[in-house]
Amino acid sequence: MEVYEVVNDVLPDRNLYLLDFYATWCNPCKMMAKVLEDMESDVPVYKVNIEENMELAKKFNVRGVPTLAMMKDDEVSEQKSGFMKESELIAFIESNK
């Protein structure tokens, strides 16, 4: 899986991708990062540090971390908060392709 970092609240110019809102102090976020790195998927992941990209976190109404937002054609197709196992994450991505 391709993993990138979002900088300065700028989103990628792609049709389908996953946003991973996280914080460096968040242990479930660290566990989620490992799942994302190990998972096989053709959907790229863009990591959003909520402390460095506060405007983006506000725009997506992020209330807790980790929060994952599946983006399709510049719209949120689904958003979930909390840690997910690999099987749950794959189902989340596949159901939003």
PDB file of N, CA and C in Angstrom:
ATOM      1  N   MET A   1       0.840  -1.167   0.000  1.00  0.00           N
ATOM      2  CA  MET A   1       0.000   0.000   0.000  1.00  0.00           C
ATOM      3  C   MET A   1       0.890   1.236   0.000  1.00  0.00           C
ATOM      4  N   GLU A   2       0.570   2.200  -0.839  1.00  0.00           N
ATOM      5  CA  GLU A   2       1.297   3.462  -0.870  1.00  0.00           C
ATOM      6  C   GLU A   2       0.823   4.338   0.297  1.00  0.00           C
ATOM      7  N   VAL A   3       1.768   4.890   1.060  1.00  0.00           N
ATOM      8  CA  VAL A   3       1.426   5.753   2.186  1.00  0.00           C
ATOM      9  C   VAL A   3       2.163   7.080   2.028  1.00  0.00           C
ATOM     10  N   TYR A   4       1.410   8.185   2.096  1.00  0.00           N
ATOM     11  CA  TYR A   4       1.956   9.532   1.949  1.00  0.00           C
ATOM     12  C   TYR A   4       1.549  10.372   3.153  1.00  0.00           C
ATOM     13  N   GLU A   5       2.214  11.494   3.340  1.00  0.00           N
ATOM     14  CA  GLU A   5       1.892  12.420   4.418  1.00  0.00           C
ATOM     15  C   GLU A   5       1.266  13.678   3.819  1.00  0.00           C
ATOM     16  N   VAL A   6       0.138  14.124   4.369  1.00  0.00           N
ATOM     17  CA  VAL A   6      -0.499  15.369   3.943  1.00  0.00           C
ATOM     18  C   VAL A   6       0.198  16.521   4.658  1.00  0.00           C
ATOM     19  N   VAL A   7       0.534  17.560   3.893  1.00  0.00           N
ATOM     20  CA  VAL A   7       1.228  18.715   4.450  1.00  0.00           C
ATOM     21  C   VAL A   7       0.447  19.979   4.113  1.00  0.00           C
ATOM     22  N   ASN A   8       0.373  20.895   5.058  1.00  0.00           N
ATOM     23  CA  ASN A   8      -0.277  22.202   4.868  1.00  0.00           C
ATOM     24  C   ASN A   8      -1.734  22.103   4.417  1.00  0.00           C
ATOM     25  N   ASP A   9      -2.454  21.141   4.937  1.00  0.00           N
ATOM     26  CA  ASP A   9      -3.884  20.975   4.657  1.00  0.00           C
ATOM     27  C   ASP A   9      -4.200  20.784   3.172  1.00  0.00           C
ATOM     28  N   VAL A  10      -3.237  20.338   2.370  1.00  0.00           N
ATOM     29  CA  VAL A  10      -3.450  20.167   0.925  1.00  0.00           C
ATOM     30  C   VAL A  10      -3.756  18.705   0.624  1.00  0.00           C
ATOM     31  N   LEU A  11      -4.933  18.465   0.046  1.00  0.00           N
ATOM     32  CA  LEU A  11      -5.338  17.109  -0.317  1.00  0.00           C
ATOM     33  C   LEU A  11      -4.807  16.736  -1.698  1.00  0.00           C
ATOM     34  N   PRO A  12      -4.626  15.446  -1.955  1.00  0.00           N
ATOM     35  CA  PRO A  12      -4.120  15.019  -3.261  1.00  0.00           C
ATOM     36  C   PRO A  12      -5.157  15.199  -4.368  1.00  0.00           C
ATOM     37  N   ASP A  13      -4.675  15.235  -5.581  1.00  0.00           N
ATOM     38  CA  ASP A  13      -5.540  15.331  -6.753  1.00  0.00           C
ATOM     39  C   ASP A  13      -5.706  13.929  -7.333  1.00  0.00           C
ATOM     40  N   ARG A  14      -6.523  13.125  -6.675  1.00  0.00           N
ATOM     41  CA  ARG A  14      -6.765  11.738  -7.084  1.00  0.00           C
ATOM     42  C   ARG A  14      -8.246  11.450  -6.990  1.00  0.00           C
ATOM     43  N   ASN A  15      -8.691  10.395  -7.688  1.00  0.00           N
ATOM     44  CA  ASN A  15     -10.109  10.037  -7.674  1.00  0.00           C
ATOM     45  C   ASN A  15     -10.503   9.173  -6.478  1.00  0.00           C
ATOM     46  N   LEU A  16      -9.581   8.339  -6.003  1.00  0.00           N
ATOM     47  CA  LEU A  16      -9.896   7.397  -4.935  1.00  0.00           C
ATOM     48  C   LEU A  16      -8.701   7.274  -3.998  1.00  0.00           C
ATOM     49  N   TYR A  17      -8.908   7.587  -2.721  1.00  0.00           N
ATOM     50  CA  TYR A  17      -7.838   7.456  -1.739  1.00  0.00           C
ATOM     51  C   TYR A  17      -8.433   7.424  -0.336  1.00  0.00           C
ATOM     52  N   LEU A  18      -7.591   7.052   0.619  1.00  0.00           N
ATOM     53  CA  LEU A  18      -7.995   6.944   2.016  1.00  0.00           C
ATOM     54  C   LEU A  18      -7.234   7.985   2.833  1.00  0.00           C
ATOM     55  N   LEU A  19      -7.958   8.753   3.635  1.00  0.00           N
ATOM     56  CA  LEU A  19      -7.328   9.691   4.558  1.00  0.00           C
ATOM     57  C   LEU A  19      -7.261   9.049   5.938  1.00  0.00           C
ATOM     58  N   ASP A  20      -6.093   9.072   6.545  1.00  0.00           N
ATOM     59  CA  ASP A  20      -5.878   8.525   7.882  1.00  0.00           C
ATOM     60  C   ASP A  20      -5.532   9.677   8.815  1.00  0.00           C
ATOM     61  N   PHE A  21      -6.529  10.138   9.593  1.00  0.00           N
ATOM     62  CA  PHE A  21      -6.309  11.207  10.557  1.00  0.00           C
ATOM     63  C   PHE A  21      -5.737  10.579  11.829  1.00  0.00           C
ATOM     64  N   TYR A  22      -4.594  11.116  12.288  1.00  0.00           N
ATOM     65  CA  TYR A  22      -3.916  10.531  13.439  1.00  0.00           C
ATOM     66  C   TYR A  22      -3.248  11.612  14.277  1.00  0.00           C
ATOM     67  N   ALA A  23      -2.739  11.202  15.436  1.00  0.00           N
ATOM     68  CA  ALA A  23      -1.914  12.059  16.293  1.00  0.00           C
ATOM     69  C   ALA A  23      -0.715  11.232  16.747  1.00  0.00           C
ATOM     70  N   THR A  24       0.418  11.882  16.911  1.00  0.00           N
ATOM     71  CA  THR A  24       1.648  11.161  17.267  1.00  0.00           C
ATOM     72  C   THR A  24       1.575  10.521  18.652  1.00  0.00           C
ATOM     73  N   TRP A  25       0.763  11.072  19.550  1.00  0.00           N
ATOM     74  CA  TRP A  25       0.653  10.562  20.917  1.00  0.00           C
ATOM     75  C   TRP A  25      -0.387   9.442  21.056  1.00  0.00           C
ATOM     76  N   CYS A  26      -1.091   9.134  19.975  1.00  0.00           N
ATOM     77  CA  CYS A  26      -2.226   8.195  20.004  1.00  0.00           C
ATOM     78  C   CYS A  26      -1.769   6.754  19.753  1.00  0.00           C
ATOM     79  N   ASN A  27      -1.889   5.900  20.768  1.00  0.00           N
ATOM     80  CA  ASN A  27      -1.478   4.501  20.611  1.00  0.00           C
ATOM     81  C   ASN A  27      -2.333   3.726  19.606  1.00  0.00           C
ATOM     82  N   PRO A  28      -3.668   3.863  19.597  1.00  0.00           N
ATOM     83  CA  PRO A  28      -4.445   3.181  18.561  1.00  0.00           C
ATOM     84  C   PRO A  28      -4.054   3.643  17.149  1.00  0.00           C
ATOM     85  N   CYS A  29      -3.626   4.902  17.015  1.00  0.00           N
ATOM     86  CA  CYS A  29      -3.169   5.405  15.716  1.00  0.00           C
ATOM     87  C   CYS A  29      -1.898   4.685  15.275  1.00  0.00           C
ATOM     88  N   LYS A  30      -1.008   4.434  16.220  1.00  0.00           N
ATOM     89  CA  LYS A  30       0.231   3.717  15.913  1.00  0.00           C
ATOM     90  C   LYS A  30      -0.079   2.290  15.475  1.00  0.00           C
ATOM     91  N   MET A  31      -1.040   1.658  16.133  1.00  0.00           N
ATOM     92  CA  MET A  31      -1.449   0.302  15.755  1.00  0.00           C
ATOM     93  C   MET A  31      -2.095   0.313  14.366  1.00  0.00           C
ATOM     94  N   MET A  32      -2.916   1.340  14.093  1.00  0.00           N
ATOM     95  CA  MET A  32      -3.573   1.478  12.795  1.00  0.00           C
ATOM     96  C   MET A  32      -2.545   1.700  11.689  1.00  0.00           C
ATOM     97  N   ALA A  33      -1.499   2.471  11.975  1.00  0.00           N
ATOM     98  CA  ALA A  33      -0.435   2.731  10.997  1.00  0.00           C
ATOM     99  C   ALA A  33       0.233   1.433  10.575  1.00  0.00           C
ATOM    100  N   LYS A  34       0.462   0.555  11.531  1.00  0.00           N
ATOM    101  CA  LYS A  34       1.092  -0.751  11.230  1.00  0.00           C
ATOM    102  C   LYS A  34       0.185  -1.590  10.328  1.00  0.00           C
ATOM    103  N   VAL A  35      -1.113  -1.595  10.614  1.00  0.00           N
ATOM    104  CA  VAL A  35      -2.070  -2.334   9.784  1.00  0.00           C
ATOM    105  C   VAL A  35      -2.060  -1.777   8.364  1.00  0.00           C
ATOM    106  N   LEU A  36      -2.090  -0.452   8.229  1.00  0.00           N
ATOM    107  CA  LEU A  36      -2.095   0.184   6.914  1.00  0.00           C
ATOM    108  C   LEU A  36      -0.825  -0.124   6.128  1.00  0.00           C
ATOM    109  N   GLU A  37       0.320  -0.087   6.803  1.00  0.00           N
ATOM    110  CA  GLU A  37       1.596  -0.356   6.143  1.00  0.00           C
ATOM    111  C   GLU A  37       1.699  -1.795   5.664  1.00  0.00           C
ATOM    112  N   ASP A  38       1.151  -2.735   6.421  1.00  0.00           N
ATOM    113  CA  ASP A  38       1.262  -4.161   6.094  1.00  0.00           C
ATOM    114  C   ASP A  38       0.203  -4.646   5.105  1.00  0.00           C
ATOM    115  N   MET A  39      -0.853  -3.871   4.931  1.00  0.00           N
ATOM    116  CA  MET A  39      -1.985  -4.304   4.105  1.00  0.00           C
ATOM    117  C   MET A  39      -1.691  -4.139   2.616  1.00  0.00           C
ATOM    118  N   GLU A  40      -2.182  -5.090   1.829  1.00  0.00           N
ATOM    119  CA  GLU A  40      -2.081  -5.016   0.378  1.00  0.00           C
ATOM    120  C   GLU A  40      -3.337  -4.349  -0.163  1.00  0.00           C
ATOM    121  N   SER A  41      -3.160  -3.227  -0.875  1.00  0.00           N
ATOM    122  CA  SER A  41      -4.300  -2.539  -1.478  1.00  0.00           C
ATOM    123  C   SER A  41      -3.791  -1.623  -2.575  1.00  0.00           C
ATOM    124  N   ASP A  42      -4.620  -1.404  -3.582  1.00  0.00           N
ATOM    125  CA  ASP A  42      -4.259  -0.485  -4.661  1.00  0.00           C
ATOM    126  C   ASP A  42      -4.728   0.939  -4.359  1.00  0.00           C
ATOM    127  N   VAL A  43      -5.361   1.141  -3.215  1.00  0.00           N
ATOM    128  CA  VAL A  43      -5.846   2.469  -2.819  1.00  0.00           C
ATOM    129  C   VAL A  43      -4.766   3.150  -1.977  1.00  0.00           C
ATOM    130  N   PRO A  44      -4.262   4.320  -2.417  1.00  0.00           N
ATOM    131  CA  PRO A  44      -3.234   5.006  -1.632  1.00  0.00           C
ATOM    132  C   PRO A  44      -3.803   5.599  -0.348  1.00  0.00           C
ATOM    133  N   VAL A  45      -2.933   5.693   0.662  1.00  0.00           N
ATOM    134  CA  VAL A  45      -3.305   6.258   1.963  1.00  0.00           C
ATOM    135  C   VAL A  45      -2.552   7.565   2.161  1.00  0.00           C
ATOM    136  N   TYR A  46      -3.274   8.579   2.595  1.00  0.00           N
ATOM    137  CA  TYR A  46      -2.675   9.866   2.917  1.00  0.00           C
ATOM    138  C   TYR A  46      -2.880  10.113   4.408  1.00  0.00           C
ATOM    139  N   LYS A  47      -1.762  10.166   5.139  1.00  0.00           N
ATOM    140  CA  LYS A  47      -1.797  10.353   6.584  1.00  0.00           C
ATOM    141  C   LYS A  47      -1.927  11.841   6.890  1.00  0.00           C
ATOM    142  N   VAL A  48      -2.828  12.171   7.819  1.00  0.00           N
ATOM    143  CA  VAL A  48      -3.083  13.558   8.195  1.00  0.00           C
ATOM    144  C   VAL A  48      -2.853  13.707   9.696  1.00  0.00           C
ATOM    145  N   ASN A  49      -1.750  14.339  10.065  1.00  0.00           N
ATOM    146  CA  ASN A  49      -1.471  14.619  11.468  1.00  0.00           C
ATOM    147  C   ASN A  49      -2.396  15.759  11.890  1.00  0.00           C
ATOM    148  N   ILE A  50      -3.316  15.475  12.806  1.00  0.00           N
ATOM    149  CA  ILE A  50      -4.328  16.471  13.172  1.00  0.00           C
ATOM    150  C   ILE A  50      -3.736  17.690  13.869  1.00  0.00           C
ATOM    151  N   GLU A  51      -2.572  17.534  14.480  1.00  0.00           N
ATOM    152  CA  GLU A  51      -1.942  18.660  15.159  1.00  0.00           C
ATOM    153  C   GLU A  51      -1.277  19.619  14.167  1.00  0.00           C
ATOM    154  N   GLU A  52      -0.878  19.113  13.007  1.00  0.00           N
ATOM    155  CA  GLU A  52      -0.228  19.935  11.991  1.00  0.00           C
ATOM    156  C   GLU A  52      -1.201  20.365  10.891  1.00  0.00           C
ATOM    157  N   ASN A  53      -2.355  19.736  10.811  1.00  0.00           N
ATOM    158  CA  ASN A  53      -3.353  20.022   9.779  1.00  0.00           C
ATOM    159  C   ASN A  53      -4.721  20.217  10.432  1.00  0.00           C
ATOM    160  N   MET A  54      -4.805  21.160  11.355  1.00  0.00           N
ATOM    161  CA  MET A  54      -6.022  21.372  12.136  1.00  0.00           C
ATOM    162  C   MET A  54      -7.213  21.776  11.271  1.00  0.00           C
ATOM    163  N   GLU A  55      -6.987  22.588  10.249  1.00  0.00           N
ATOM    164  CA  GLU A  55      -8.091  23.032   9.392  1.00  0.00           C
ATOM    165  C   GLU A  55      -8.709  21.854   8.648  1.00  0.00           C
ATOM    166  N   LEU A  56      -7.878  20.945   8.203  1.00  0.00           N
ATOM    167  CA  LEU A  56      -8.377  19.763   7.498  1.00  0.00           C
ATOM    168  C   LEU A  56      -9.158  18.860   8.456  1.00  0.00           C
ATOM    169  N   ALA A  57      -8.658  18.706   9.674  1.00  0.00           N
ATOM    170  CA  ALA A  57      -9.366  17.907  10.675  1.00  0.00           C
ATOM    171  C   ALA A  57     -10.728  18.526  10.984  1.00  0.00           C
ATOM    172  N   LYS A  58     -10.790  19.849  11.069  1.00  0.00           N
ATOM    173  CA  LYS A  58     -12.068  20.532  11.297  1.00  0.00           C
ATOM    174  C   LYS A  58     -13.011  20.339  10.117  1.00  0.00           C
ATOM    175  N   LYS A  59     -12.464  20.482   8.912  1.00  0.00           N
ATOM    176  CA  LYS A  59     -13.273  20.328   7.692  1.00  0.00           C
ATOM    177  C   LYS A  59     -13.942  18.967   7.639  1.00  0.00           C
ATOM    178  N   PHE A  60     -13.223  17.928   8.100  1.00  0.00           N
ATOM    179  CA  PHE A  60     -13.753  16.569   8.077  1.00  0.00           C
ATOM    180  C   PHE A  60     -14.435  16.193   9.387  1.00  0.00           C
ATOM    181  N   ASN A  61     -14.595  17.164  10.285  1.00  0.00           N
ATOM    182  CA  ASN A  61     -15.313  16.959  11.534  1.00  0.00           C
ATOM    183  C   ASN A  61     -14.734  15.793  12.347  1.00  0.00           C
ATOM    184  N   VAL A  62     -13.417  15.740  12.405  1.00  0.00           N
ATOM    185  CA  VAL A  62     -12.735  14.674  13.139  1.00  0.00           C
ATOM    186  C   VAL A  62     -12.865  14.954  14.630  1.00  0.00           C
ATOM    187  N   ARG A  63     -13.494  14.038  15.344  1.00  0.00           N
ATOM    188  CA  ARG A  63     -13.732  14.179  16.790  1.00  0.00           C
ATOM    189  C   ARG A  63     -12.803  13.300  17.621  1.00  0.00           C
ATOM    190  N   GLY A  64     -12.238  12.274  16.987  1.00  0.00           N
ATOM    191  CA  GLY A  64     -11.334  11.367  17.677  1.00  0.00           C
ATOM    192  C   GLY A  64     -10.394  10.732  16.669  1.00  0.00           C
ATOM    193  N   VAL A  65      -9.314  10.173  17.160  1.00  0.00           N
ATOM    194  CA  VAL A  65      -8.350   9.509  16.280  1.00  0.00           C
ATOM    195  C   VAL A  65      -8.086   8.096  16.765  1.00  0.00           C
ATOM    196  N   PRO A  66      -7.785   7.170  15.876  1.00  0.00           N
ATOM    197  CA  PRO A  66      -7.694   7.379  14.434  1.00  0.00           C
ATOM    198  C   PRO A  66      -9.076   7.517  13.791  1.00  0.00           C
ATOM    199  N   THR A  67      -9.135   8.325  12.738  1.00  0.00           N
ATOM    200  CA  THR A  67     -10.324   8.438  11.896  1.00  0.00           C
ATOM    201  C   THR A  67      -9.898   8.199  10.468  1.00  0.00           C
ATOM    202  N   LEU A  68     -10.621   7.340   9.778  1.00  0.00           N
ATOM    203  CA  LEU A  68     -10.342   7.059   8.372  1.00  0.00           C
ATOM    204  C   LEU A  68     -11.492   7.575   7.524  1.00  0.00           C
ATOM    205  N   ALA A  69     -11.151   8.290   6.448  1.00  0.00           N
ATOM    206  CA  ALA A  69     -12.153   8.810   5.522  1.00  0.00           C
ATOM    207  C   ALA A  69     -11.831   8.290   4.130  1.00  0.00           C
ATOM    208  N   MET A  70     -12.766   7.560   3.553  1.00  0.00           N
ATOM    209  CA  MET A  70     -12.610   7.060   2.194  1.00  0.00           C
ATOM    210  C   MET A  70     -13.083   8.149   1.249  1.00  0.00           C
ATOM    211  N   MET A  71     -12.188   8.601   0.373  1.00  0.00           N
ATOM    212  CA  MET A  71     -12.482   9.685  -0.554  1.00  0.00           C
ATOM    213  C   MET A  71     -12.694   9.134  -1.961  1.00  0.00           C
ATOM    214  N   LYS A  72     -13.776   9.572  -2.581  1.00  0.00           N
ATOM    215  CA  LYS A  72     -14.083   9.151  -3.944  1.00  0.00           C
ATOM    216  C   LYS A  72     -14.578  10.377  -4.698  1.00  0.00           C
ATOM    217  N   ASP A  73     -13.863  10.759  -5.751  1.00  0.00           N
ATOM    218  CA  ASP A  73     -14.212  11.940  -6.548  1.00  0.00           C
ATOM    219  C   ASP A  73     -14.367  13.185  -5.667  1.00  0.00           C
ATOM    220  N   ASP A  74     -13.401  13.409  -4.783  1.00  0.00           N
ATOM    221  CA  ASP A  74     -13.344  14.574  -3.892  1.00  0.00           C
ATOM    222  C   ASP A  74     -14.481  14.663  -2.879  1.00  0.00           C
ATOM    223  N   GLU A  75     -15.157  13.571  -2.626  1.00  0.00           N
ATOM    224  CA  GLU A  75     -16.226  13.520  -1.625  1.00  0.00           C
ATOM    225  C   GLU A  75     -15.944  12.377  -0.660  1.00  0.00           C
ATOM    226  N   VAL A  76     -16.383  12.529   0.583  1.00  0.00           N
ATOM    227  CA  VAL A  76     -16.252  11.444   1.557  1.00  0.00           C
ATOM    228  C   VAL A  76     -17.338  10.415   1.269  1.00  0.00           C
ATOM    229  N   SER A  77     -16.929   9.200   0.921  1.00  0.00           N
ATOM    230  CA  SER A  77     -17.932   8.155   0.696  1.00  0.00           C
ATOM    231  C   SER A  77     -18.292   7.462   2.007  1.00  0.00           C
ATOM    232  N   GLU A  78     -17.331   7.408   2.954  1.00  0.00           N
ATOM    233  CA  GLU A  78     -17.601   6.868   4.293  1.00  0.00           C
ATOM    234  C   GLU A  78     -16.473   7.291   5.222  1.00  0.00           C
ATOM    235  N   GLN A  79     -16.806   7.474   6.486  1.00  0.00           N
ATOM    236  CA  GLN A  79     -15.814   7.863   7.483  1.00  0.00           C
ATOM    237  C   GLN A  79     -16.053   7.055   8.754  1.00  0.00           C
ATOM    238  N   LYS A  80     -14.952   6.538   9.344  1.00  0.00           N
ATOM    239  CA  LYS A  80     -15.046   5.748  10.573  1.00  0.00           C
ATOM    240  C   LYS A  80     -13.955   6.168  11.535  1.00  0.00           C
ATOM    241  N   SER A  81     -14.262   6.104  12.806  1.00  0.00           N
ATOM    242  CA  SER A  81     -13.274   6.384  13.846  1.00  0.00           C
ATOM    243  C   SER A  81     -12.979   5.118  14.635  1.00  0.00           C
ATOM    244  N   GLY A  82     -11.757   5.057  15.151  1.00  0.00           N
ATOM    245  CA  GLY A  82     -11.348   3.915  15.965  1.00  0.00           C
ATOM    246  C   GLY A  82     -10.481   2.945  15.200  1.00  0.00           C
ATOM    247  N   PHE A  83      -9.790   2.110  15.957  1.00  0.00           N
ATOM    248  CA  PHE A  83      -8.902   1.107  15.376  1.00  0.00           C
ATOM    249  C   PHE A  83      -9.711   0.046  14.627  1.00  0.00           C
ATOM    250  N   MET A  84      -9.179  -0.400  13.485  1.00  0.00           N
ATOM    251  CA  MET A  84      -9.789  -1.492  12.720  1.00  0.00           C
ATOM    252  C   MET A  84      -8.739  -2.573  12.463  1.00  0.00           C
ATOM    253  N   LYS A  85      -9.162  -3.822  12.571  1.00  0.00           N
ATOM    254  CA  LYS A  85      -8.300  -4.927  12.178  1.00  0.00           C
ATOM    255  C   LYS A  85      -8.185  -4.921  10.656  1.00  0.00           C
ATOM    256  N   GLU A  86      -7.183  -5.635  10.139  1.00  0.00           N
ATOM    257  CA  GLU A  86      -6.953  -5.654   8.690  1.00  0.00           C
ATOM    258  C   GLU A  86      -8.191  -6.105   7.921  1.00  0.00           C
ATOM    259  N   SER A  87      -8.872  -7.134   8.389  1.00  0.00           N
ATOM    260  CA  SER A  87     -10.066  -7.629   7.689  1.00  0.00           C
ATOM    261  C   SER A  87     -11.168  -6.566   7.653  1.00  0.00           C
ATOM    262  N   GLU A  88     -11.321  -5.812   8.743  1.00  0.00           N
ATOM    263  CA  GLU A  88     -12.321  -4.736   8.790  1.00  0.00           C
ATOM    264  C   GLU A  88     -11.932  -3.599   7.846  1.00  0.00           C
ATOM    265  N   LEU A  89     -10.648  -3.292   7.814  1.00  0.00           N
ATOM    266  CA  LEU A  89     -10.153  -2.222   6.957  1.00  0.00           C
ATOM    267  C   LEU A  89     -10.326  -2.575   5.482  1.00  0.00           C
ATOM    268  N   ILE A  90     -10.022  -3.809   5.123  1.00  0.00           N
ATOM    269  CA  ILE A  90     -10.201  -4.259   3.735  1.00  0.00           C
ATOM    270  C   ILE A  90     -11.673  -4.165   3.340  1.00  0.00           C
ATOM    271  N   ALA A  91     -12.559  -4.598   4.211  1.00  0.00           N
ATOM    272  CA  ALA A  91     -13.995  -4.518   3.933  1.00  0.00           C
ATOM    273  C   ALA A  91     -14.437  -3.066   3.786  1.00  0.00           C
ATOM    274  N   PHE A  92     -13.921  -2.181   4.629  1.00  0.00           N
ATOM    275  CA  PHE A  92     -14.225  -0.745   4.571  1.00  0.00           C
ATOM    276  C   PHE A  92     -13.809  -0.166   3.218  1.00  0.00           C
ATOM    277  N   ILE A  93     -12.596  -0.475   2.788  1.00  0.00           N
ATOM    278  CA  ILE A  93     -12.092   0.039   1.504  1.00  0.00           C
ATOM    279  C   ILE A  93     -12.860  -0.552   0.337  1.00  0.00           C
ATOM    280  N   GLU A  94     -13.039  -1.872   0.336  1.00  0.00           N
ATOM    281  CA  GLU A  94     -13.711  -2.528  -0.794  1.00  0.00           C
ATOM    282  C   GLU A  94     -15.156  -2.083  -0.956  1.00  0.00           C
ATOM    283  N   SER A  95     -15.830  -1.796   0.161  1.00  0.00           N
ATOM    284  CA  SER A  95     -17.229  -1.393   0.078  1.00  0.00           C
ATOM    285  C   SER A  95     -17.390   0.036  -0.445  1.00  0.00           C
ATOM    286  N   ASN A  96     -16.282   0.758  -0.548  1.00  0.00           N
ATOM    287  CA  ASN A  96     -16.346   2.151  -0.997  1.00  0.00           C
ATOM    288  C   ASN A  96     -15.628   2.402  -2.319  1.00  0.00           C
ATOM    289  N   LYS A  97     -15.262   1.342  -3.006  1.00  0.00           N
ATOM    290  CA  LYS A  97     -14.593   1.523  -4.308  1.00  0.00           C
ATOM    291  C   LYS A  97     -15.592   1.859  -5.377  1.00  0.00           C
TER     292      LYS A  97
END
